[in-house]
């Protein structure tokens, strides 16, 4: 994936955190059920 013109690492890091958070939340909900 190409790096954004502005932000660079900050935007990528933020996107990664959000993505991992969503996956972890979904996985946790599945295990909780």
PDB file of N, CA and C in Angstrom:
ATOM      1  N   UNK A   1       0.842  -1.189   0.000  1.00  0.00           N
ATOM      2  CA  UNK A   1       0.000   0.000   0.000  1.00  0.00           C
ATOM      3  C   UNK A   1       0.879   1.242   0.000  1.00  0.00           C
ATOM      4  N   UNK A   2       0.550   2.214  -0.830  1.00  0.00           N
ATOM      5  CA  UNK A   2       1.360   3.436  -0.934  1.00  0.00           C
ATOM      6  C   UNK A   2       1.198   4.290   0.315  1.00  0.00           C
ATOM      7  N   UNK A   3       2.280   4.988   0.687  1.00  0.00           N
ATOM      8  CA  UNK A   3       2.224   5.845   1.864  1.00  0.00           C
ATOM      9  C   UNK A   3       1.466   7.124   1.535  1.00  0.00           C
ATOM     10  N   UNK A   4       0.675   7.627   2.461  1.00  0.00           N
ATOM     11  CA  UNK A   4      -0.030   8.886   2.219  1.00  0.00           C
ATOM     12  C   UNK A   4       0.955  10.048   2.124  1.00  0.00           C
ATOM     13  N   UNK A   5       0.585  11.084   1.385  1.00  0.00           N
ATOM     14  CA  UNK A   5       1.494  12.223   1.203  1.00  0.00           C
ATOM     15  C   UNK A   5       1.737  12.937   2.525  1.00  0.00           C
ATOM     16  N   UNK A   6       0.708  13.043   3.347  1.00  0.00           N
ATOM     17  CA  UNK A   6       0.874  13.736   4.624  1.00  0.00           C
ATOM     18  C   UNK A   6       0.750  12.736   5.771  1.00  0.00           C
ATOM     19  N   UNK A   7       1.511  12.955   6.834  1.00  0.00           N
ATOM     20  CA  UNK A   7       1.421  12.056   7.983  1.00  0.00           C
ATOM     21  C   UNK A   7       2.445  10.949   7.899  1.00  0.00           C
ATOM     22  N   UNK A   8       2.349  10.118   6.875  1.00  0.00           N
ATOM     23  CA  UNK A   8       3.323   9.033   6.723  1.00  0.00           C
ATOM     24  C   UNK A   8       3.144   7.991   7.800  1.00  0.00           C
ATOM     25  N   UNK A   9       4.129   7.905   8.698  1.00  0.00           N
ATOM     26  CA  UNK A   9       4.094   6.865   9.732  1.00  0.00           C
ATOM     27  C   UNK A   9       2.939   7.064  10.696  1.00  0.00           C
ATOM     28  N   UNK A  10       2.620   8.322  11.015  1.00  0.00           N
ATOM     29  CA  UNK A  10       1.541   8.581  11.969  1.00  0.00           C
ATOM     30  C   UNK A  10       0.221   8.020  11.488  1.00  0.00           C
ATOM     31  N   UNK A  11      -0.111   8.283  10.219  1.00  0.00           N
ATOM     32  CA  UNK A  11      -1.381   7.804   9.659  1.00  0.00           C
ATOM     33  C   UNK A  11      -1.379   6.279   9.595  1.00  0.00           C
ATOM     34  N   UNK A  12      -0.259   5.709   9.175  1.00  0.00           N
ATOM     35  CA  UNK A  12      -0.166   4.248   9.076  1.00  0.00           C
ATOM     36  C   UNK A  12      -0.307   3.608  10.448  1.00  0.00           C
ATOM     37  N   UNK A  13       0.361   4.176  11.443  1.00  0.00           N
ATOM     38  CA  UNK A  13       0.299   3.631  12.801  1.00  0.00           C
ATOM     39  C   UNK A  13      -1.132   3.717  13.333  1.00  0.00           C
ATOM     40  N   UNK A  14      -1.781   4.859  13.112  1.00  0.00           N
ATOM     41  CA  UNK A  14      -3.151   5.051  13.590  1.00  0.00           C
ATOM     42  C   UNK A  14      -4.084   4.050  12.917  1.00  0.00           C
ATOM     43  N   UNK A  15      -3.930   3.866  11.600  1.00  0.00           N
ATOM     44  CA  UNK A  15      -4.771   2.926  10.866  1.00  0.00           C
ATOM     45  C   UNK A  15      -4.548   1.512  11.384  1.00  0.00           C
ATOM     46  N   UNK A  16      -3.292   1.168  11.671  1.00  0.00           N
ATOM     47  CA  UNK A  16      -2.973  -0.173  12.165  1.00  0.00           C
ATOM     48  C   UNK A  16      -3.615  -0.400  13.526  1.00  0.00           C
ATOM     49  N   UNK A  17      -3.548   0.618  14.389  1.00  0.00           N
ATOM     50  CA  UNK A  17      -4.133   0.487  15.727  1.00  0.00           C
ATOM     51  C   UNK A  17      -5.637   0.269  15.623  1.00  0.00           C
ATOM     52  N   UNK A  18      -6.297   1.054  14.775  1.00  0.00           N
ATOM     53  CA  UNK A  18      -7.755   0.916  14.615  1.00  0.00           C
ATOM     54  C   UNK A  18      -8.098  -0.458  14.057  1.00  0.00           C
ATOM     55  N   UNK A  19      -7.325  -0.893  13.049  1.00  0.00           N
ATOM     56  CA  UNK A  19      -7.600  -2.187  12.416  1.00  0.00           C
ATOM     57  C   UNK A  19      -7.437  -3.327  13.418  1.00  0.00           C
ATOM     58  N   UNK A  20      -6.341  -3.306  14.161  1.00  0.00           N
ATOM     59  CA  UNK A  20      -6.097  -4.358  15.155  1.00  0.00           C
ATOM     60  C   UNK A  20      -7.176  -4.318  16.240  1.00  0.00           C
ATOM     61  N   UNK A  21      -7.572  -3.109  16.627  1.00  0.00           N
ATOM     62  CA  UNK A  21      -8.593  -2.966  17.667  1.00  0.00           C
ATOM     63  C   UNK A  21      -9.904  -3.591  17.225  1.00  0.00           C
ATOM     64  N   UNK A  22     -10.295  -3.355  15.970  1.00  0.00           N
ATOM     65  CA  UNK A  22     -11.546  -3.919  15.449  1.00  0.00           C
ATOM     66  C   UNK A  22     -11.460  -5.435  15.394  1.00  0.00           C
ATOM     67  N   UNK A  23     -10.347  -5.969  14.875  1.00  0.00           N
ATOM     68  CA  UNK A  23     -10.183  -7.419  14.782  1.00  0.00           C
ATOM     69  C   UNK A  23     -10.192  -8.045  16.167  1.00  0.00           C
ATOM     70  N   UNK A  24      -9.476  -7.432  17.113  1.00  0.00           N
ATOM     71  CA  UNK A  24      -9.401  -7.972  18.469  1.00  0.00           C
ATOM     72  C   UNK A  24     -10.772  -7.954  19.133  1.00  0.00           C
ATOM     73  N   UNK A  25     -11.506  -6.856  18.935  1.00  0.00           N
ATOM     74  CA  UNK A  25     -12.840  -6.748  19.527  1.00  0.00           C
ATOM     75  C   UNK A  25     -13.763  -7.827  18.977  1.00  0.00           C
ATOM     76  N   UNK A  26     -13.724  -8.029  17.663  1.00  0.00           N
ATOM     77  CA  UNK A  26     -14.568  -9.049  17.043  1.00  0.00           C
ATOM     78  C   UNK A  26     -14.187 -10.431  17.551  1.00  0.00           C
ATOM     79  N   UNK A  27     -12.874 -10.705  17.625  1.00  0.00           N
ATOM     80  CA  UNK A  27     -12.396 -12.007  18.092  1.00  0.00           C
ATOM     81  C   UNK A  27     -12.796 -12.219  19.544  1.00  0.00           C
ATOM     82  N   UNK A  28     -12.677 -11.170  20.369  1.00  0.00           N
ATOM     83  CA  UNK A  28     -13.029 -11.277  21.776  1.00  0.00           C
ATOM     84  C   UNK A  28     -14.521 -11.560  21.939  1.00  0.00           C
ATOM     85  N   UNK A  29     -15.339 -10.902  21.110  1.00  0.00           N
ATOM     86  CA  UNK A  29     -16.789 -11.124  21.177  1.00  0.00           C
ATOM     87  C   UNK A  29     -17.126 -12.565  20.807  1.00  0.00           C
ATOM     88  N   UNK A  30     -16.455 -13.104  19.784  1.00  0.00           N
ATOM     89  CA  UNK A  30     -16.711 -14.486  19.358  1.00  0.00           C
ATOM     90  C   UNK A  30     -16.334 -15.448  20.475  1.00  0.00           C
ATOM     91  N   UNK A  31     -15.195 -15.223  21.120  1.00  0.00           N
ATOM     92  CA  UNK A  31     -14.755 -16.099  22.213  1.00  0.00           C
ATOM     93  C   UNK A  31     -15.701 -15.956  23.402  1.00  0.00           C
ATOM     94  N   UNK A  32     -16.153 -14.703  23.661  1.00  0.00           N
ATOM     95  CA  UNK A  32     -17.060 -14.456  24.785  1.00  0.00           C
ATOM     96  C   UNK A  32     -18.365 -15.205  24.607  1.00  0.00           C
ATOM     97  N   UNK A  33     -18.865 -15.273  23.376  1.00  0.00           N
ATOM     98  CA  UNK A  33     -20.096 -16.003  23.126  1.00  0.00           C
ATOM     99  C   UNK A  33     -19.794 -17.456  23.306  1.00  0.00           C
TER     100      UNK A  33
END
